[in-house]
């Protein structure tokens, strides 16, 4: 039995919404919760472009990327990420960072749909 959740992101703060989605993806609200299993959960987030992002956060929040070469560390601020890939990428990175860092994380992320 798959549990399906639909969340409207309009007017919500990034971190609060990402926390809510991460808890749903882990299945912590289910009576048969187990840390070593991916729950049968489907989470859909709608109106992601209407997410409430402050101007200060957009200017100061940075994302790192390392190419693997000497001197290959790249830093991007939130404004650049939103301009290049959209608000959905920022939200995806926030949820990804809130899930446990083990082999189940990519499997849990497959249950997230952003519209």
Protein backbone atom coordinates (compact mmCIF):
# COMPACT_ATOMS: atom_id res chain seq x y z
CA UNK A 1 0.00 0.00 0.00
CA UNK A 2 1.51 3.29 -1.10
CA UNK A 3 0.92 6.39 0.98
CA UNK A 4 0.59 9.47 -1.22
CA UNK A 5 1.06 13.03 0.00
CA UNK A 6 0.54 16.26 -1.94
CA UNK A 7 1.98 19.48 -0.48
CA UNK A 8 1.39 23.00 -1.72
CA UNK A 9 4.58 25.08 -1.41
CA UNK A 10 2.96 28.47 -1.96
CA UNK A 11 4.12 30.97 0.68
CA UNK A 12 6.07 28.40 2.74
CA UNK A 13 9.67 28.81 3.87
CA UNK A 14 12.33 26.60 2.27
CA UNK A 15 13.71 24.91 5.37
CA UNK A 16 10.35 24.28 7.02
CA UNK A 17 8.94 22.67 3.90
CA UNK A 18 12.11 20.62 3.25
CA UNK A 19 11.99 19.26 6.82
CA UNK A 20 8.35 18.26 6.41
CA UNK A 21 9.05 16.48 3.12
CA UNK A 22 12.17 14.71 4.48
CA UNK A 23 10.21 13.29 7.42
CA UNK A 24 7.50 12.03 5.05
CA UNK A 25 10.08 10.44 2.71
CA UNK A 26 11.71 8.60 5.62
CA UNK A 27 8.31 7.29 6.71
CA UNK A 28 8.67 8.37 10.32
CA UNK A 29 4.92 9.02 10.59
CA UNK A 30 4.03 5.42 9.66
CA UNK A 31 3.32 2.78 12.33
CA UNK A 32 5.65 0.27 10.63
CA UNK A 33 8.66 2.65 10.50
CA UNK A 34 12.05 0.95 10.13
CA UNK A 35 15.34 2.78 9.58
CA UNK A 36 16.69 0.07 7.27
CA UNK A 37 13.79 0.11 4.78
CA UNK A 38 12.52 2.54 2.18
CA UNK A 39 8.83 3.14 2.89
CA UNK A 40 6.14 2.93 0.21
CA UNK A 41 5.59 6.70 0.19
CA UNK A 42 5.03 9.13 -2.66
CA UNK A 43 5.42 12.86 -2.00
CA UNK A 44 4.40 15.47 -4.57
CA UNK A 45 5.25 19.15 -4.05
CA UNK A 46 3.28 21.66 -6.12
CA UNK A 47 3.80 25.39 -6.81
CA UNK A 48 7.52 25.20 -6.02
CA UNK A 49 8.14 28.50 -7.84
CA UNK A 50 5.94 30.30 -5.29
CA UNK A 51 8.20 29.23 -2.40
CA UNK A 52 9.01 32.03 0.05
CA UNK A 53 12.74 32.77 -0.30
CA UNK A 54 14.20 35.86 1.37
CA UNK A 55 16.53 38.16 -0.58
CA UNK A 56 19.17 37.85 2.14
CA UNK A 57 19.16 34.04 1.88
CA UNK A 58 19.44 34.20 -1.91
CA UNK A 59 22.49 36.45 -1.69
CA UNK A 60 24.35 34.69 1.14
CA UNK A 61 23.59 30.96 0.80
CA UNK A 62 26.38 29.19 -1.12
CA UNK A 63 26.67 25.75 -2.69
CA UNK A 64 30.04 24.03 -3.22
CA UNK A 65 31.14 21.74 -6.03
CA UNK A 66 34.56 20.11 -6.35
CA UNK A 67 35.71 18.98 -9.79
CA UNK A 68 38.42 16.67 -8.48
CA UNK A 69 41.29 18.72 -9.85
CA UNK A 70 43.64 20.99 -7.88
CA UNK A 71 41.98 24.37 -7.52
CA UNK A 72 38.73 22.90 -8.78
CA UNK A 73 36.44 24.04 -5.97
CA UNK A 74 33.50 26.03 -7.30
CA UNK A 75 31.12 28.12 -5.23
CA UNK A 76 27.69 29.25 -6.39
CA UNK A 77 25.20 31.40 -4.52
CA UNK A 78 21.49 30.65 -4.44
CA UNK A 79 20.68 33.35 -7.01
CA UNK A 80 22.88 31.65 -9.63
CA UNK A 81 21.44 28.19 -8.92
CA UNK A 82 17.88 29.51 -9.23
CA UNK A 83 18.73 31.34 -12.46
CA UNK A 84 20.41 28.28 -14.01
CA UNK A 85 18.31 25.36 -12.75
CA UNK A 86 15.26 26.82 -11.01
CA UNK A 87 13.79 26.79 -7.53
CA UNK A 88 13.22 23.03 -7.71
CA UNK A 89 16.99 22.40 -7.64
CA UNK A 90 17.40 24.45 -4.46
CA UNK A 91 14.54 22.55 -2.83
CA UNK A 92 15.92 19.19 -3.97
CA UNK A 93 19.34 19.99 -2.47
CA UNK A 94 17.70 21.00 0.82
CA UNK A 95 15.70 17.76 1.10
CA UNK A 96 18.70 15.65 -0.01
CA UNK A 97 20.80 17.11 2.80
CA UNK A 98 18.14 16.28 5.39
CA UNK A 99 17.88 12.59 4.54
CA UNK A 100 20.24 10.02 6.11
CA UNK A 101 23.53 9.73 4.26
CA UNK A 102 23.44 6.03 3.44
CA UNK A 103 22.51 3.77 0.50
CA UNK A 104 18.81 4.42 1.03
CA UNK A 105 19.00 8.17 0.34
CA UNK A 106 18.86 7.93 -3.50
CA UNK A 107 16.00 5.44 -3.23
CA UNK A 108 14.06 7.81 -0.96
CA UNK A 109 14.70 10.73 -3.33
CA UNK A 110 13.07 8.76 -6.18
CA UNK A 111 9.79 9.01 -4.25
CA UNK A 112 9.86 12.83 -4.44
CA UNK A 113 8.08 14.57 -7.33
CA UNK A 114 8.33 18.34 -7.80
CA UNK A 115 5.88 20.19 -10.04
